[in-house]
Amino acid sequence: MSWDYRVIENNGMFTVHEVHYNDKGDITSISEGPMGPSGETLEELKDDTKYFLQALELPVLKKEEIVFAPME
């Protein structure tokens, strides 16, 4: 299982969510609400911000089109 941040479009609003995948790479879940960069140190915050920027380079997911797969 793996995860990353992804941009999700929902009713014309673009937000970043945590997205979880099964071993086949299919989406199994997304965070209920949008995420924001965070860290216990400034360096951790910088690193987390880099992951958010990477999400902007991936295709946008449309919330109504997401099909959830089993975790297996």
N, C-alpha and C. Protein backbone atom coordinates (compact mmCIF):
# COMPACT_ATOMS: atom_id res chain seq x y z
N MET A 1 0.84 -1.17 0.00
CA MET A 1 0.00 0.00 0.00
C MET A 1 0.90 1.24 0.00
N SER A 2 0.44 2.29 -0.68
CA SER A 2 1.20 3.54 -0.74
C SER A 2 0.23 4.72 -0.72
N TRP A 3 0.76 5.90 -0.65
CA TRP A 3 -0.07 7.10 -0.67
C TRP A 3 0.73 8.25 -1.26
N ASP A 4 0.00 9.29 -1.66
CA ASP A 4 0.61 10.55 -2.06
C ASP A 4 -0.45 11.63 -1.94
N TYR A 5 -0.04 12.85 -2.23
CA TYR A 5 -1.00 13.95 -2.31
C TYR A 5 -1.44 14.10 -3.75
N ARG A 6 -2.73 14.39 -3.95
CA ARG A 6 -3.25 14.60 -5.29
C ARG A 6 -4.21 15.78 -5.27
N VAL A 7 -4.26 16.49 -6.37
CA VAL A 7 -5.26 17.55 -6.54
C VAL A 7 -6.57 16.89 -6.94
N ILE A 8 -7.64 17.26 -6.24
CA ILE A 8 -8.96 16.73 -6.54
C ILE A 8 -9.88 17.91 -6.83
N GLU A 9 -10.59 17.81 -7.95
CA GLU A 9 -11.57 18.83 -8.32
C GLU A 9 -12.94 18.36 -7.89
N ASN A 10 -13.64 19.21 -7.17
CA ASN A 10 -14.98 18.89 -6.70
C ASN A 10 -15.85 20.14 -6.82
N ASN A 11 -16.81 20.09 -7.73
CA ASN A 11 -17.73 21.23 -7.94
C ASN A 11 -16.98 22.52 -8.24
N GLY A 12 -15.96 22.44 -9.08
CA GLY A 12 -15.22 23.62 -9.50
C GLY A 12 -14.17 24.09 -8.51
N MET A 13 -13.98 23.39 -7.40
CA MET A 13 -12.98 23.75 -6.40
C MET A 13 -11.84 22.74 -6.45
N PHE A 14 -10.62 23.23 -6.50
CA PHE A 14 -9.44 22.38 -6.54
C PHE A 14 -8.78 22.38 -5.16
N THR A 15 -8.59 21.20 -4.58
CA THR A 15 -7.95 21.06 -3.28
C THR A 15 -6.99 19.88 -3.31
N VAL A 16 -6.09 19.84 -2.36
CA VAL A 16 -5.12 18.75 -2.27
C VAL A 16 -5.57 17.79 -1.17
N HIS A 17 -5.59 16.49 -1.51
CA HIS A 17 -5.99 15.46 -0.56
C HIS A 17 -4.92 14.38 -0.50
N GLU A 18 -4.91 13.66 0.60
CA GLU A 18 -4.08 12.47 0.71
C GLU A 18 -4.84 11.33 0.04
N VAL A 19 -4.17 10.62 -0.86
CA VAL A 19 -4.80 9.52 -1.60
C VAL A 19 -4.02 8.25 -1.31
N HIS A 20 -4.74 7.18 -0.96
CA HIS A 20 -4.13 5.89 -0.66
C HIS A 20 -4.42 4.90 -1.79
N TYR A 21 -3.42 4.06 -2.07
CA TYR A 21 -3.50 3.09 -3.16
C TYR A 21 -3.23 1.68 -2.64
N ASN A 22 -3.82 0.70 -3.32
CA ASN A 22 -3.50 -0.69 -2.99
C ASN A 22 -2.22 -1.08 -3.74
N ASP A 23 -1.81 -2.32 -3.62
CA ASP A 23 -0.56 -2.78 -4.26
C ASP A 23 -0.63 -2.75 -5.78
N LYS A 24 -1.83 -2.72 -6.34
CA LYS A 24 -2.00 -2.63 -7.79
C LYS A 24 -1.97 -1.19 -8.29
N GLY A 25 -1.95 -0.22 -7.36
CA GLY A 25 -1.94 1.19 -7.75
C GLY A 25 -3.32 1.80 -7.89
N ASP A 26 -4.36 1.06 -7.47
CA ASP A 26 -5.73 1.58 -7.54
C ASP A 26 -6.05 2.37 -6.28
N ILE A 27 -6.87 3.40 -6.41
CA ILE A 27 -7.23 4.24 -5.26
C ILE A 27 -8.15 3.46 -4.33
N THR A 28 -7.77 3.45 -3.04
CA THR A 28 -8.59 2.77 -2.03
C THR A 28 -9.30 3.77 -1.12
N SER A 29 -8.73 4.96 -0.94
CA SER A 29 -9.37 5.98 -0.10
C SER A 29 -8.72 7.33 -0.34
N ILE A 30 -9.44 8.38 0.06
CA ILE A 30 -8.90 9.74 0.04
C ILE A 30 -9.22 10.38 1.39
N SER A 31 -8.44 11.38 1.76
CA SER A 31 -8.72 12.09 3.01
C SER A 31 -10.08 12.77 2.90
N GLU A 32 -10.79 12.81 4.03
CA GLU A 32 -12.13 13.39 4.03
C GLU A 32 -12.10 14.87 3.64
N GLY A 33 -11.15 15.59 4.19
CA GLY A 33 -11.02 17.01 3.88
C GLY A 33 -9.69 17.31 3.23
N PRO A 34 -9.54 18.52 2.72
CA PRO A 34 -8.27 18.89 2.10
C PRO A 34 -7.15 18.92 3.13
N MET A 35 -5.94 18.71 2.65
CA MET A 35 -4.76 18.69 3.50
C MET A 35 -3.99 20.00 3.32
N GLY A 36 -3.17 20.30 4.28
CA GLY A 36 -2.26 21.44 4.20
C GLY A 36 -0.88 21.00 4.62
N PRO A 37 0.15 21.63 4.09
CA PRO A 37 1.50 21.24 4.48
C PRO A 37 1.71 21.46 5.97
N SER A 38 2.49 20.57 6.58
CA SER A 38 2.77 20.71 8.02
C SER A 38 4.07 20.00 8.34
N GLY A 39 4.58 20.24 9.53
CA GLY A 39 5.78 19.59 10.00
C GLY A 39 6.10 20.02 11.41
N GLU A 40 6.83 19.21 12.12
CA GLU A 40 7.22 19.55 13.49
C GLU A 40 8.44 20.47 13.51
N THR A 41 9.10 20.58 12.37
CA THR A 41 10.22 21.52 12.23
C THR A 41 10.05 22.27 10.91
N LEU A 42 10.78 23.34 10.76
CA LEU A 42 10.74 24.09 9.51
C LEU A 42 11.18 23.22 8.35
N GLU A 43 12.19 22.37 8.58
CA GLU A 43 12.68 21.48 7.52
C GLU A 43 11.60 20.49 7.09
N GLU A 44 10.86 19.93 8.06
CA GLU A 44 9.76 19.01 7.73
C GLU A 44 8.67 19.73 6.95
N LEU A 45 8.39 20.97 7.31
CA LEU A 45 7.39 21.76 6.57
C LEU A 45 7.85 21.99 5.13
N LYS A 46 9.12 22.29 4.95
CA LYS A 46 9.67 22.47 3.60
C LYS A 46 9.53 21.19 2.79
N ASP A 47 9.87 20.05 3.41
CA ASP A 47 9.77 18.76 2.71
C ASP A 47 8.33 18.46 2.33
N ASP A 48 7.39 18.70 3.25
CA ASP A 48 5.99 18.42 2.97
C ASP A 48 5.49 19.31 1.84
N THR A 49 5.95 20.55 1.82
CA THR A 49 5.55 21.48 0.75
C THR A 49 6.00 20.96 -0.61
N LYS A 50 7.15 20.31 -0.66
CA LYS A 50 7.63 19.73 -1.93
C LYS A 50 6.67 18.67 -2.44
N TYR A 51 6.11 17.86 -1.52
CA TYR A 51 5.15 16.84 -1.93
C TYR A 51 3.88 17.47 -2.49
N PHE A 52 3.47 18.59 -1.93
CA PHE A 52 2.30 19.30 -2.45
C PHE A 52 2.58 19.82 -3.85
N LEU A 53 3.76 20.35 -4.07
CA LEU A 53 4.12 20.83 -5.41
C LEU A 53 4.14 19.68 -6.41
N GLN A 54 4.59 18.50 -5.98
CA GLN A 54 4.58 17.34 -6.87
C GLN A 54 3.15 16.98 -7.27
N ALA A 55 2.20 17.16 -6.35
CA ALA A 55 0.79 16.86 -6.65
C ALA A 55 0.28 17.73 -7.79
N LEU A 56 0.80 18.94 -7.91
CA LEU A 56 0.37 19.84 -8.98
C LEU A 56 0.83 19.37 -10.35
N GLU A 57 1.81 18.49 -10.40
CA GLU A 57 2.32 17.97 -11.67
C GLU A 57 1.57 16.72 -12.13
N LEU A 58 0.78 16.11 -11.25
CA LEU A 58 0.03 14.89 -11.59
C LEU A 58 -1.33 15.26 -12.16
N PRO A 59 -1.96 14.36 -12.90
CA PRO A 59 -3.31 14.66 -13.41
C PRO A 59 -4.28 14.93 -12.26
N VAL A 60 -5.18 15.88 -12.49
CA VAL A 60 -6.21 16.22 -11.50
C VAL A 60 -7.25 15.10 -11.48
N LEU A 61 -7.65 14.69 -10.28
CA LEU A 61 -8.70 13.69 -10.13
C LEU A 61 -10.03 14.41 -9.92
N LYS A 62 -11.06 13.96 -10.61
CA LYS A 62 -12.40 14.52 -10.41
C LYS A 62 -13.10 13.65 -9.37
N LYS A 63 -13.54 14.28 -8.28
CA LYS A 63 -14.07 13.52 -7.16
C LYS A 63 -15.20 12.59 -7.58
N GLU A 64 -16.10 13.06 -8.43
CA GLU A 64 -17.25 12.24 -8.82
C GLU A 64 -16.87 11.07 -9.72
N GLU A 65 -15.64 11.06 -10.24
CA GLU A 65 -15.21 9.97 -11.12
C GLU A 65 -14.33 8.95 -10.40
N ILE A 66 -13.98 9.21 -9.14
CA ILE A 66 -13.10 8.29 -8.42
C ILE A 66 -13.85 7.02 -8.11
N VAL A 67 -13.27 5.90 -8.49
CA VAL A 67 -13.83 4.57 -8.16
C VAL A 67 -12.87 3.95 -7.15
N PHE A 68 -13.40 3.61 -5.98
CA PHE A 68 -12.56 3.06 -4.94
C PHE A 68 -12.42 1.55 -5.10
N ALA A 69 -11.18 1.11 -4.98
CA ALA A 69 -10.86 -0.32 -5.09
C ALA A 69 -10.64 -0.89 -3.71
N PRO A 70 -10.73 -2.22 -3.58
CA PRO A 70 -10.43 -2.84 -2.28
C PRO A 70 -8.95 -2.67 -1.95
N MET A 71 -8.63 -2.71 -0.66
CA MET A 71 -7.24 -2.55 -0.22
C MET A 71 -6.37 -3.72 -0.64
N GLU A 72 -6.92 -4.85 -0.91
CA GLU A 72 -6.15 -6.05 -1.26
C GLU A 72 -5.56 -5.96 -2.63
